[in-house]
């Protein structure tokens, strides 16, 4: 999901602190990437998370597994034939929490920076 804001956006490190204050401190917050093009990975659980990127006045929020083992598992399973059945089952179960988490973050950012 992409949001275009009318107000200036904070740096990704400042956004990390802002989200930590707004949302539960039980969530995990990690900066990812090299140089100025870092992204923020916010984890709600081992399987539900979001990747947040900032480019000028645009914020991109993508649902993603927040931990390396979960991402590795999803990648590994996608290489097998069993993937169709497993991803249908897991996708039905996890789509809602991923979308809900993405929506919560985007609503907060939209209200704060528009």
PDB file of N, CA and C in Angstrom:
ATOM      1  N   UNK A   1       0.841  -1.152   0.000  1.00  0.00           N
ATOM      2  CA  UNK A   1       0.000   0.000   0.000  1.00  0.00           C
ATOM      3  C   UNK A   1       0.899   1.232   0.000  1.00  0.00           C
ATOM      4  N   UNK A   2       0.558   2.201  -0.827  1.00  0.00           N
ATOM      5  CA  UNK A   2       1.317   3.452  -0.887  1.00  0.00           C
ATOM      6  C   UNK A   2       0.462   4.588  -0.373  1.00  0.00           C
ATOM      7  N   UNK A   3       1.074   5.432   0.447  1.00  0.00           N
ATOM      8  CA  UNK A   3       0.418   6.626   0.957  1.00  0.00           C
ATOM      9  C   UNK A   3       1.228   7.837   0.531  1.00  0.00           C
ATOM     10  N   UNK A   4       0.553   8.840   0.007  1.00  0.00           N
ATOM     11  CA  UNK A   4       1.207  10.107  -0.299  1.00  0.00           C
ATOM     12  C   UNK A   4       0.751  11.094   0.756  1.00  0.00           C
ATOM     13  N   UNK A   5       1.709  11.770   1.384  1.00  0.00           N
ATOM     14  CA  UNK A   5       1.387  12.665   2.487  1.00  0.00           C
ATOM     15  C   UNK A   5       1.569  14.119   2.081  1.00  0.00           C
ATOM     16  N   UNK A   6       0.854  14.992   2.770  1.00  0.00           N
ATOM     17  CA  UNK A   6       0.989  16.419   2.506  1.00  0.00           C
ATOM     18  C   UNK A   6       2.002  17.062   3.449  1.00  0.00           C
ATOM     19  N   UNK A   7       2.207  16.481   4.619  1.00  0.00           N
ATOM     20  CA  UNK A   7       3.194  16.987   5.571  1.00  0.00           C
ATOM     21  C   UNK A   7       4.525  16.287   5.343  1.00  0.00           C
ATOM     22  N   UNK A   8       5.584  16.888   5.839  1.00  0.00           N
ATOM     23  CA  UNK A   8       6.896  16.272   5.743  1.00  0.00           C
ATOM     24  C   UNK A   8       6.973  15.017   6.599  1.00  0.00           C
ATOM     25  N   UNK A   9       7.669  14.027   6.108  1.00  0.00           N
ATOM     26  CA  UNK A   9       7.800  12.762   6.829  1.00  0.00           C
ATOM     27  C   UNK A   9       9.090  12.743   7.655  1.00  0.00           C
ATOM     28  N   UNK A  10       9.084  12.031   8.769  1.00  0.00           N
ATOM     29  CA  UNK A  10      10.300  11.907   9.566  1.00  0.00           C
ATOM     30  C   UNK A  10      11.274  10.940   8.899  1.00  0.00           C
ATOM     31  N   UNK A  11      12.475  10.869   9.417  1.00  0.00           N
ATOM     32  CA  UNK A  11      13.423   9.865   8.926  1.00  0.00           C
ATOM     33  C   UNK A  11      12.935   8.493   9.369  1.00  0.00           C
ATOM     34  N   UNK A  12      13.492   7.458   8.793  1.00  0.00           N
ATOM     35  CA  UNK A  12      13.058   6.104   9.123  1.00  0.00           C
ATOM     36  C   UNK A  12      13.369   5.770  10.584  1.00  0.00           C
ATOM     37  N   UNK A  13      14.476   6.307  11.128  1.00  0.00           N
ATOM     38  CA  UNK A  13      14.820   6.075  12.533  1.00  0.00           C
ATOM     39  C   UNK A  13      13.832   6.786  13.458  1.00  0.00           C
ATOM     40  N   UNK A  14      13.409   8.003  13.088  1.00  0.00           N
ATOM     41  CA  UNK A  14      12.409   8.716  13.882  1.00  0.00           C
ATOM     42  C   UNK A  14      11.054   8.018  13.793  1.00  0.00           C
ATOM     43  N   UNK A  15      10.734   7.484  12.629  1.00  0.00           N
ATOM     44  CA  UNK A  15       9.477   6.759  12.459  1.00  0.00           C
ATOM     45  C   UNK A  15       9.435   5.532  13.359  1.00  0.00           C
ATOM     46  N   UNK A  16      10.569   4.889  13.526  1.00  0.00           N
ATOM     47  CA  UNK A  16      10.665   3.736  14.423  1.00  0.00           C
ATOM     48  C   UNK A  16      10.240   4.128  15.834  1.00  0.00           C
ATOM     49  N   UNK A  17      10.736   5.255  16.333  1.00  0.00           N
ATOM     50  CA  UNK A  17      10.383   5.721  17.676  1.00  0.00           C
ATOM     51  C   UNK A  17       8.919   6.142  17.765  1.00  0.00           C
ATOM     52  N   UNK A  18       8.408   6.791  16.730  1.00  0.00           N
ATOM     53  CA  UNK A  18       7.011   7.226  16.710  1.00  0.00           C
ATOM     54  C   UNK A  18       6.077   6.015  16.749  1.00  0.00           C
ATOM     55  N   UNK A  19       6.367   4.998  15.938  1.00  0.00           N
ATOM     56  CA  UNK A  19       5.526   3.794  15.925  1.00  0.00           C
ATOM     57  C   UNK A  19       5.625   3.034  17.244  1.00  0.00           C
ATOM     58  N   UNK A  20       6.804   3.016  17.845  1.00  0.00           N
ATOM     59  CA  UNK A  20       6.984   2.338  19.132  1.00  0.00           C
ATOM     60  C   UNK A  20       6.119   3.010  20.207  1.00  0.00           C
ATOM     61  N   UNK A  21       5.988   4.346  20.147  1.00  0.00           N
ATOM     62  CA  UNK A  21       5.151   5.055  21.114  1.00  0.00           C
ATOM     63  C   UNK A  21       3.671   4.819  20.850  1.00  0.00           C
ATOM     64  N   UNK A  22       3.278   4.751  19.593  1.00  0.00           N
ATOM     65  CA  UNK A  22       1.863   4.610  19.242  1.00  0.00           C
ATOM     66  C   UNK A  22       1.366   3.179  19.418  1.00  0.00           C
ATOM     67  N   UNK A  23       2.153   2.218  18.970  1.00  0.00           N
ATOM     68  CA  UNK A  23       1.744   0.820  19.030  1.00  0.00           C
ATOM     69  C   UNK A  23       2.416   0.149  20.217  1.00  0.00           C
ATOM     70  N   UNK A  24       2.103  -1.077  20.423  1.00  0.00           N
ATOM     71  CA  UNK A  24       2.617  -1.825  21.564  1.00  0.00           C
ATOM     72  C   UNK A  24       4.141  -1.928  21.531  1.00  0.00           C
ATOM     73  N   UNK A  25       4.737  -1.847  22.704  1.00  0.00           N
ATOM     74  CA  UNK A  25       6.191  -2.034  22.780  1.00  0.00           C
ATOM     75  C   UNK A  25       6.536  -3.518  22.670  1.00  0.00           C
ATOM     76  N   UNK A  26       5.525  -4.380  22.639  1.00  0.00           N
ATOM     77  CA  UNK A  26       5.748  -5.816  22.446  1.00  0.00           C
ATOM     78  C   UNK A  26       6.100  -6.144  21.001  1.00  0.00           C
ATOM     79  N   UNK A  27       5.818  -5.221  20.086  1.00  0.00           N
ATOM     80  CA  UNK A  27       6.172  -5.437  18.688  1.00  0.00           C
ATOM     81  C   UNK A  27       7.677  -5.304  18.531  1.00  0.00           C
ATOM     82  N   UNK A  28       8.211  -5.925  17.497  1.00  0.00           N
ATOM     83  CA  UNK A  28       9.642  -5.773  17.218  1.00  0.00           C
ATOM     84  C   UNK A  28       9.818  -4.723  16.122  1.00  0.00           C
ATOM     85  N   UNK A  29      10.872  -3.929  16.252  1.00  0.00           N
ATOM     86  CA  UNK A  29      11.170  -2.856  15.305  1.00  0.00           C
ATOM     87  C   UNK A  29      12.631  -2.979  14.903  1.00  0.00           C
ATOM     88  N   UNK A  30      12.888  -3.171  13.598  1.00  0.00           N
ATOM     89  CA  UNK A  30      14.269  -3.299  13.110  1.00  0.00           C
ATOM     90  C   UNK A  30      14.455  -2.466  11.863  1.00  0.00           C
ATOM     91  N   UNK A  31      15.602  -1.811  11.784  1.00  0.00           N
ATOM     92  CA  UNK A  31      15.983  -1.119  10.553  1.00  0.00           C
ATOM     93  C   UNK A  31      16.686  -2.122   9.670  1.00  0.00           C
ATOM     94  N   UNK A  32      16.422  -2.048   8.370  1.00  0.00           N
ATOM     95  CA  UNK A  32      16.969  -3.008   7.425  1.00  0.00           C
ATOM     96  C   UNK A  32      17.458  -2.265   6.198  1.00  0.00           C
ATOM     97  N   UNK A  33      18.615  -2.635   5.699  1.00  0.00           N
ATOM     98  CA  UNK A  33      19.133  -2.028   4.479  1.00  0.00           C
ATOM     99  C   UNK A  33      20.430  -1.295   4.723  1.00  0.00           C
ATOM    100  N   UNK A  34      21.002  -0.799   3.636  1.00  0.00           N
ATOM    101  CA  UNK A  34      22.277  -0.092   3.693  1.00  0.00           C
ATOM    102  C   UNK A  34      22.093   1.358   3.272  1.00  0.00           C
ATOM    103  N   UNK A  35      22.938   2.223   3.806  1.00  0.00           N
ATOM    104  CA  UNK A  35      22.935   3.617   3.396  1.00  0.00           C
ATOM    105  C   UNK A  35      21.672   4.352   3.792  1.00  0.00           C
ATOM    106  N   UNK A  36      21.268   5.282   2.940  1.00  0.00           N
ATOM    107  CA  UNK A  36      20.088   6.101   3.227  1.00  0.00           C
ATOM    108  C   UNK A  36      18.783   5.384   2.898  1.00  0.00           C
ATOM    109  N   UNK A  37      18.829   4.362   2.101  1.00  0.00           N
ATOM    110  CA  UNK A  37      17.630   3.656   1.650  1.00  0.00           C
ATOM    111  C   UNK A  37      17.235   2.532   2.608  1.00  0.00           C
ATOM    112  N   UNK A  38      17.168   2.825   3.889  1.00  0.00           N
ATOM    113  CA  UNK A  38      16.785   1.813   4.871  1.00  0.00           C
ATOM    114  C   UNK A  38      15.271   1.699   4.937  1.00  0.00           C
ATOM    115  N   UNK A  39      14.826   0.529   5.349  1.00  0.00           N
ATOM    116  CA  UNK A  39      13.411   0.301   5.584  1.00  0.00           C
ATOM    117  C   UNK A  39      13.239  -0.122   7.037  1.00  0.00           C
ATOM    118  N   UNK A  40      12.023  -0.063   7.510  1.00  0.00           N
ATOM    119  CA  UNK A  40      11.695  -0.444   8.870  1.00  0.00           C
ATOM    120  C   UNK A  40      10.839  -1.706   8.822  1.00  0.00           C
ATOM    121  N   UNK A  41      11.255  -2.726   9.549  1.00  0.00           N
ATOM    122  CA  UNK A  41      10.472  -3.958   9.663  1.00  0.00           C
ATOM    123  C   UNK A  41       9.801  -3.945  11.028  1.00  0.00           C
ATOM    124  N   UNK A  42       8.479  -3.963  11.038  1.00  0.00           N
ATOM    125  CA  UNK A  42       7.707  -3.988  12.280  1.00  0.00           C
ATOM    126  C   UNK A  42       7.069  -5.361  12.386  1.00  0.00           C
ATOM    127  N   UNK A  43       7.340  -6.067  13.484  1.00  0.00           N
ATOM    128  CA  UNK A  43       6.806  -7.405  13.663  1.00  0.00           C
ATOM    129  C   UNK A  43       5.767  -7.457  14.762  1.00  0.00           C
ATOM    130  N   UNK A  44       4.614  -7.983  14.430  1.00  0.00           N
ATOM    131  CA  UNK A  44       3.548  -8.162  15.415  1.00  0.00           C
ATOM    132  C   UNK A  44       3.652  -9.543  16.043  1.00  0.00           C
ATOM    133  N   UNK A  45       4.032 -10.526  15.248  1.00  0.00           N
ATOM    134  CA  UNK A  45       4.231 -11.908  15.694  1.00  0.00           C
ATOM    135  C   UNK A  45       5.304 -12.512  14.797  1.00  0.00           C
ATOM    136  N   UNK A  46       5.701 -13.766  15.025  1.00  0.00           N
ATOM    137  CA  UNK A  46       6.726 -14.359  14.148  1.00  0.00           C
ATOM    138  C   UNK A  46       6.313 -14.461  12.679  1.00  0.00           C
ATOM    139  N   UNK A  47       5.025 -14.442  12.387  1.00  0.00           N
ATOM    140  CA  UNK A  47       4.575 -14.553  10.994  1.00  0.00           C
ATOM    141  C   UNK A  47       3.924 -13.293  10.444  1.00  0.00           C
ATOM    142  N   UNK A  48       3.500 -12.376  11.301  1.00  0.00           N
ATOM    143  CA  UNK A  48       2.781 -11.183  10.855  1.00  0.00           C
ATOM    144  C   UNK A  48       3.647  -9.951  11.083  1.00  0.00           C
ATOM    145  N   UNK A  49       3.895  -9.220  10.005  1.00  0.00           N
ATOM    146  CA  UNK A  49       4.700  -8.012  10.097  1.00  0.00           C
ATOM    147  C   UNK A  49       4.486  -7.126   8.893  1.00  0.00           C
ATOM    148  N   UNK A  50       5.198  -6.000   8.896  1.00  0.00           N
ATOM    149  CA  UNK A  50       5.103  -5.053   7.793  1.00  0.00           C
ATOM    150  C   UNK A  50       6.460  -4.416   7.551  1.00  0.00           C
ATOM    151  N   UNK A  51       6.732  -4.150   6.281  1.00  0.00           N
ATOM    152  CA  UNK A  51       7.949  -3.456   5.883  1.00  0.00           C
ATOM    153  C   UNK A  51       7.542  -2.061   5.443  1.00  0.00           C
ATOM    154  N   UNK A  52       8.167  -1.040   6.035  1.00  0.00           N
ATOM    155  CA  UNK A  52       7.808   0.345   5.761  1.00  0.00           C
ATOM    156  C   UNK A  52       9.007   1.047   5.134  1.00  0.00           C
ATOM    157  N   UNK A  53       8.781   1.667   3.982  1.00  0.00           N
ATOM    158  CA  UNK A  53       9.821   2.429   3.279  1.00  0.00           C
ATOM    159  C   UNK A  53       9.329   3.851   3.063  1.00  0.00           C
ATOM    160  N   UNK A  54      10.256   4.812   3.144  1.00  0.00           N
ATOM    161  CA  UNK A  54       9.921   6.220   2.938  1.00  0.00           C
ATOM    162  C   UNK A  54      10.745   6.751   1.770  1.00  0.00           C
ATOM    163  N   UNK A  55      10.053   7.398   0.821  1.00  0.00           N
ATOM    164  CA  UNK A  55      10.699   8.061  -0.308  1.00  0.00           C
ATOM    165  C   UNK A  55      10.045   9.429  -0.464  1.00  0.00           C
ATOM    166  N   UNK A  56      10.760  10.486  -0.096  1.00  0.00           N
ATOM    167  CA  UNK A  56      10.276  11.869  -0.128  1.00  0.00           C
ATOM    168  C   UNK A  56       8.965  11.990   0.637  1.00  0.00           C
ATOM    169  N   UNK A  57       7.827  12.194  -0.017  1.00  0.00           N
ATOM    170  CA  UNK A  57       6.551  12.321   0.692  1.00  0.00           C
ATOM    171  C   UNK A  57       5.650  11.104   0.465  1.00  0.00           C
ATOM    172  N   UNK A  58       6.259   9.965   0.205  1.00  0.00           N
ATOM    173  CA  UNK A  58       5.506   8.739  -0.055  1.00  0.00           C
ATOM    174  C   UNK A  58       5.971   7.628   0.890  1.00  0.00           C
ATOM    175  N   UNK A  59       5.006   6.949   1.491  1.00  0.00           N
ATOM    176  CA  UNK A  59       5.283   5.835   2.385  1.00  0.00           C
ATOM    177  C   UNK A  59       4.751   4.568   1.729  1.00  0.00           C
ATOM    178  N   UNK A  60       5.573   3.520   1.688  1.00  0.00           N
ATOM    179  CA  UNK A  60       5.153   2.228   1.156  1.00  0.00           C
ATOM    180  C   UNK A  60       5.118   1.237   2.310  1.00  0.00           C
ATOM    181  N   UNK A  61       3.985   0.552   2.468  1.00  0.00           N
ATOM    182  CA  UNK A  61       3.813  -0.442   3.522  1.00  0.00           C
ATOM    183  C   UNK A  61       3.481  -1.765   2.853  1.00  0.00           C
ATOM    184  N   UNK A  62       4.295  -2.787   3.147  1.00  0.00           N
ATOM    185  CA  UNK A  62       4.084  -4.111   2.562  1.00  0.00           C
ATOM    186  C   UNK A  62       4.017  -5.149   3.676  1.00  0.00           C
ATOM    187  N   UNK A  63       3.027  -6.034   3.647  1.00  0.00           N
ATOM    188  CA  UNK A  63       3.001  -7.121   4.631  1.00  0.00           C
ATOM    189  C   UNK A  63       4.154  -8.087   4.362  1.00  0.00           C
ATOM    190  N   UNK A  64       4.813  -8.552   5.408  1.00  0.00           N
ATOM    191  CA  UNK A  64       5.952  -9.443   5.267  1.00  0.00           C
ATOM    192  C   UNK A  64       6.191 -10.202   6.560  1.00  0.00           C
ATOM    193  N   UNK A  65       6.761 -11.407   6.500  1.00  0.00           N
ATOM    194  CA  UNK A  65       7.176 -12.065   7.741  1.00  0.00           C
ATOM    195  C   UNK A  65       8.337 -11.284   8.358  1.00  0.00           C
ATOM    196  N   UNK A  66       8.259 -10.918   9.637  1.00  0.00           N
ATOM    197  CA  UNK A  66       9.281 -10.056  10.232  1.00  0.00           C
ATOM    198  C   UNK A  66      10.568 -10.749  10.641  1.00  0.00           C
ATOM    199  N   UNK A  67      10.560 -12.083  10.710  1.00  0.00           N
ATOM    200  CA  UNK A  67      11.756 -12.783  11.159  1.00  0.00           C
ATOM    201  C   UNK A  67      12.391 -13.558  10.017  1.00  0.00           C
ATOM    202  N   UNK A  68      13.684 -13.720  10.087  1.00  0.00           N
ATOM    203  CA  UNK A  68      14.412 -14.452   9.054  1.00  0.00           C
ATOM    204  C   UNK A  68      13.968 -15.908   8.956  1.00  0.00           C
ATOM    205  N   UNK A  69      13.779 -16.643  10.075  1.00  0.00           N
ATOM    206  CA  UNK A  69      13.318 -18.033   9.946  1.00  0.00           C
ATOM    207  C   UNK A  69      11.957 -18.150   9.252  1.00  0.00           C
ATOM    208  N   UNK A  70      11.042 -17.238   9.557  1.00  0.00           N
ATOM    209  CA  UNK A  70       9.724 -17.292   8.912  1.00  0.00           C
ATOM    210  C   UNK A  70       9.845 -17.011   7.414  1.00  0.00           C
ATOM    211  N   UNK A  71      10.651 -16.021   7.044  1.00  0.00           N
ATOM    212  CA  UNK A  71      10.855 -15.714   5.627  1.00  0.00           C
ATOM    213  C   UNK A  71      11.540 -16.868   4.912  1.00  0.00           C
ATOM    214  N   UNK A  72      12.523 -17.497   5.572  1.00  0.00           N
ATOM    215  CA  UNK A  72      13.200 -18.648   4.989  1.00  0.00           C
ATOM    216  C   UNK A  72      12.222 -19.797   4.778  1.00  0.00           C
ATOM    217  N   UNK A  73      11.356 -20.048   5.759  1.00  0.00           N
ATOM    218  CA  UNK A  73      10.370 -21.121   5.653  1.00  0.00           C
ATOM    219  C   UNK A  73       9.423 -20.884   4.479  1.00  0.00           C
ATOM    220  N   UNK A  74       8.932 -19.665   4.345  1.00  0.00           N
ATOM    221  CA  UNK A  74       8.022 -19.346   3.239  1.00  0.00           C
ATOM    222  C   UNK A  74       8.732 -19.541   1.902  1.00  0.00           C
ATOM    223  N   UNK A  75      10.004 -19.119   1.813  1.00  0.00           N
ATOM    224  CA  UNK A  75      10.773 -19.293   0.573  1.00  0.00           C
ATOM    225  C   UNK A  75      11.022 -20.766   0.273  1.00  0.00           C
ATOM    226  N   UNK A  76      11.361 -21.541   1.296  1.00  0.00           N
ATOM    227  CA  UNK A  76      11.642 -22.958   1.110  1.00  0.00           C
ATOM    228  C   UNK A  76      10.390 -23.709   0.674  1.00  0.00           C
ATOM    229  N   UNK A  77       9.278 -23.435   1.333  1.00  0.00           N
ATOM    230  CA  UNK A  77       8.027 -24.117   1.004  1.00  0.00           C
ATOM    231  C   UNK A  77       7.575 -23.763  -0.407  1.00  0.00           C
ATOM    232  N   UNK A  78       7.875 -22.546  -0.848  1.00  0.00           N
ATOM    233  CA  UNK A  78       7.436 -22.145  -2.183  1.00  0.00           C
ATOM    234  C   UNK A  78       8.152 -22.910  -3.287  1.00  0.00           C
ATOM    235  N   UNK A  79       9.221 -23.633  -2.951  1.00  0.00           N
ATOM    236  CA  UNK A  79       9.950 -24.406  -3.955  1.00  0.00           C
ATOM    237  C   UNK A  79       9.436 -25.842  -4.071  1.00  0.00           C
ATOM    238  N   UNK A  80       8.473 -26.239  -3.298  1.00  0.00           N
ATOM    239  CA  UNK A  80       7.970 -27.608  -3.339  1.00  0.00           C
ATOM    240  C   UNK A  80       6.601 -27.664  -4.003  1.00  0.00           C
ATOM    241  N   UNK A  81       6.196 -28.867  -4.384  1.00  0.00           N
ATOM    242  CA  UNK A  81       4.884 -29.033  -5.022  1.00  0.00           C
ATOM    243  C   UNK A  81       3.750 -28.898  -4.018  1.00  0.00           C
ATOM    244  N   UNK A  82       4.048 -29.132  -2.771  1.00  0.00           N
ATOM    245  CA  UNK A  82       3.042 -29.057  -1.714  1.00  0.00           C
ATOM    246  C   UNK A  82       2.626 -27.617  -1.431  1.00  0.00           C
ATOM    247  N   UNK A  83       3.327 -26.696  -2.056  1.00  0.00           N
ATOM    248  CA  UNK A  83       3.122 -25.282  -1.797  1.00  0.00           C
ATOM    249  C   UNK A  83       1.694 -24.827  -2.092  1.00  0.00           C
ATOM    250  N   UNK A  84       1.089 -25.350  -3.117  1.00  0.00           N
ATOM    251  CA  UNK A  84      -0.246 -24.897  -3.502  1.00  0.00           C
ATOM    252  C   UNK A  84      -1.231 -25.113  -2.367  1.00  0.00           C
ATOM    253  N   UNK A  85      -1.261 -26.322  -1.826  1.00  0.00           N
ATOM    254  CA  UNK A  85      -2.190 -26.603  -0.735  1.00  0.00           C
ATOM    255  C   UNK A  85      -1.825 -25.847   0.535  1.00  0.00           C
ATOM    256  N   UNK A  86      -0.545 -25.842   0.861  1.00  0.00           N
ATOM    257  CA  UNK A  86      -0.114 -25.188   2.091  1.00  0.00           C
ATOM    258  C   UNK A  86      -0.347 -23.682   2.034  1.00  0.00           C
ATOM    259  N   UNK A  87       0.016 -23.052   0.937  1.00  0.00           N
ATOM    260  CA  UNK A  87      -0.170 -21.610   0.841  1.00  0.00           C
ATOM    261  C   UNK A  87      -1.636 -21.213   0.780  1.00  0.00           C
ATOM    262  N   UNK A  88      -2.470 -22.047   0.184  1.00  0.00           N
ATOM    263  CA  UNK A  88      -3.906 -21.761   0.210  1.00  0.00           C
ATOM    264  C   UNK A  88      -4.416 -21.770   1.642  1.00  0.00           C
ATOM    265  N   UNK A  89      -4.026 -22.794   2.405  1.00  0.00           N
ATOM    266  CA  UNK A  89      -4.464 -22.886   3.789  1.00  0.00           C
ATOM    267  C   UNK A  89      -3.871 -21.757   4.631  1.00  0.00           C
ATOM    268  N   UNK A  90      -2.561 -21.573   4.549  1.00  0.00           N
ATOM    269  CA  UNK A  90      -1.893 -20.543   5.334  1.00  0.00           C
ATOM    270  C   UNK A  90      -2.318 -19.161   4.859  1.00  0.00           C
ATOM    271  N   UNK A  91      -2.456 -18.980   3.560  1.00  0.00           N
ATOM    272  CA  UNK A  91      -2.870 -17.691   3.012  1.00  0.00           C
ATOM    273  C   UNK A  91      -4.245 -17.275   3.480  1.00  0.00           C
ATOM    274  N   UNK A  92      -5.160 -18.220   3.557  1.00  0.00           N
ATOM    275  CA  UNK A  92      -6.497 -17.915   4.047  1.00  0.00           C
ATOM    276  C   UNK A  92      -6.441 -17.528   5.515  1.00  0.00           C
ATOM    277  N   UNK A  93      -5.621 -18.232   6.288  1.00  0.00           N
ATOM    278  CA  UNK A  93      -5.521 -17.958   7.720  1.00  0.00           C
ATOM    279  C   UNK A  93      -4.745 -16.680   8.020  1.00  0.00           C
ATOM    280  N   UNK A  94      -3.702 -16.375   7.245  1.00  0.00           N
ATOM    281  CA  UNK A  94      -2.821 -15.261   7.571  1.00  0.00           C
ATOM    282  C   UNK A  94      -3.107 -13.981   6.799  1.00  0.00           C
ATOM    283  N   UNK A  95      -3.881 -14.057   5.745  1.00  0.00           N
ATOM    284  CA  UNK A  95      -4.131 -12.864   4.949  1.00  0.00           C
ATOM    285  C   UNK A  95      -4.812 -11.784   5.785  1.00  0.00           C
ATOM    286  N   UNK A  96      -5.763 -12.185   6.572  1.00  0.00           N
ATOM    287  CA  UNK A  96      -6.490 -11.230   7.379  1.00  0.00           C
ATOM    288  C   UNK A  96      -5.592 -10.527   8.402  1.00  0.00           C
ATOM    289  N   UNK A  97      -4.769 -11.242   9.205  1.00  0.00           N
ATOM    290  CA  UNK A  97      -3.903 -10.524  10.153  1.00  0.00           C
ATOM    291  C   UNK A  97      -2.888  -9.631   9.463  1.00  0.00           C
ATOM    292  N   UNK A  98      -2.337 -10.064   8.321  1.00  0.00           N
ATOM    293  CA  UNK A  98      -1.373  -9.235   7.591  1.00  0.00           C
ATOM    294  C   UNK A  98      -2.037  -7.956   7.097  1.00  0.00           C
ATOM    295  N   UNK A  99      -3.191  -8.102   6.463  1.00  0.00           N
ATOM    296  CA  UNK A  99      -3.899  -6.938   5.930  1.00  0.00           C
ATOM    297  C   UNK A  99      -4.367  -6.019   7.066  1.00  0.00           C
ATOM    298  N   UNK A 100      -4.823  -6.608   8.156  1.00  0.00           N
ATOM    299  CA  UNK A 100      -5.282  -5.812   9.292  1.00  0.00           C
ATOM    300  C   UNK A 100      -4.130  -5.002   9.889  1.00  0.00           C
ATOM    301  N   UNK A 101      -2.972  -5.620  10.028  1.00  0.00           N
ATOM    302  CA  UNK A 101      -1.809  -4.934  10.566  1.00  0.00           C
ATOM    303  C   UNK A 101      -1.344  -3.822   9.626  1.00  0.00           C
ATOM    304  N   UNK A 102      -1.330  -4.117   8.332  1.00  0.00           N
ATOM    305  CA  UNK A 102      -0.962  -3.116   7.331  1.00  0.00           C
ATOM    306  C   UNK A 102      -1.938  -1.936   7.380  1.00  0.00           C
ATOM    307  N   UNK A 103      -3.217  -2.235   7.514  1.00  0.00           N
ATOM    308  CA  UNK A 103      -4.246  -1.200   7.575  1.00  0.00           C
ATOM    309  C   UNK A 103      -4.097  -0.323   8.829  1.00  0.00           C
ATOM    310  N   UNK A 104      -3.792  -0.952   9.986  1.00  0.00           N
ATOM    311  CA  UNK A 104      -3.617  -0.198  11.225  1.00  0.00           C
ATOM    312  C   UNK A 104      -2.474   0.805  11.102  1.00  0.00           C
ATOM    313  N   UNK A 105      -1.355   0.363  10.559  1.00  0.00           N
ATOM    314  CA  UNK A 105      -0.203   1.251  10.393  1.00  0.00           C
ATOM    315  C   UNK A 105      -0.512   2.359   9.402  1.00  0.00           C
ATOM    316  N   UNK A 106      -1.140   2.013   8.285  1.00  0.00           N
ATOM    317  CA  UNK A 106      -1.428   3.034   7.272  1.00  0.00           C
ATOM    318  C   UNK A 106      -2.444   4.058   7.784  1.00  0.00           C
ATOM    319  N   UNK A 107      -3.433   3.639   8.564  1.00  0.00           N
ATOM    320  CA  UNK A 107      -4.399   4.591   9.135  1.00  0.00           C
ATOM    321  C   UNK A 107      -3.703   5.577  10.062  1.00  0.00           C
ATOM    322  N   UNK A 108      -2.819   5.056  10.912  1.00  0.00           N
ATOM    323  CA  UNK A 108      -2.095   5.928  11.829  1.00  0.00           C
ATOM    324  C   UNK A 108      -1.237   6.933  11.066  1.00  0.00           C
ATOM    325  N   UNK A 109      -0.473   6.465  10.088  1.00  0.00           N
ATOM    326  CA  UNK A 109       0.403   7.360   9.325  1.00  0.00           C
ATOM    327  C   UNK A 109      -0.402   8.385   8.519  1.00  0.00           C
ATOM    328  N   UNK A 110      -1.541   7.965   7.973  1.00  0.00           N
ATOM    329  CA  UNK A 110      -2.375   8.884   7.193  1.00  0.00           C
ATOM    330  C   UNK A 110      -2.909   9.998   8.087  1.00  0.00           C
ATOM    331  N   UNK A 111      -3.413   9.633   9.290  1.00  0.00           N
ATOM    332  CA  UNK A 111      -3.940  10.631  10.201  1.00  0.00           C
ATOM    333  C   UNK A 111      -2.852  11.595  10.682  1.00  0.00           C
ATOM    334  N   UNK A 112      -1.690  11.071  10.951  1.00  0.00           N
ATOM    335  CA  UNK A 112      -0.607  11.881  11.520  1.00  0.00           C
ATOM    336  C   UNK A 112       0.032  12.817  10.497  1.00  0.00           C
ATOM    337  N   UNK A 113       0.143  12.391   9.231  1.00  0.00           N
ATOM    338  CA  UNK A 113       0.894  13.162   8.244  1.00  0.00           C
ATOM    339  C   UNK A 113       0.053  13.721   7.107  1.00  0.00           C
ATOM    340  N   UNK A 114      -1.257  13.782   7.254  1.00  0.00           N
ATOM    341  CA  UNK A 114      -2.109  14.442   6.261  1.00  0.00           C
ATOM    342  C   UNK A 114      -2.943  15.513   6.917  1.00  0.00           C
TER     343      UNK A 114
END
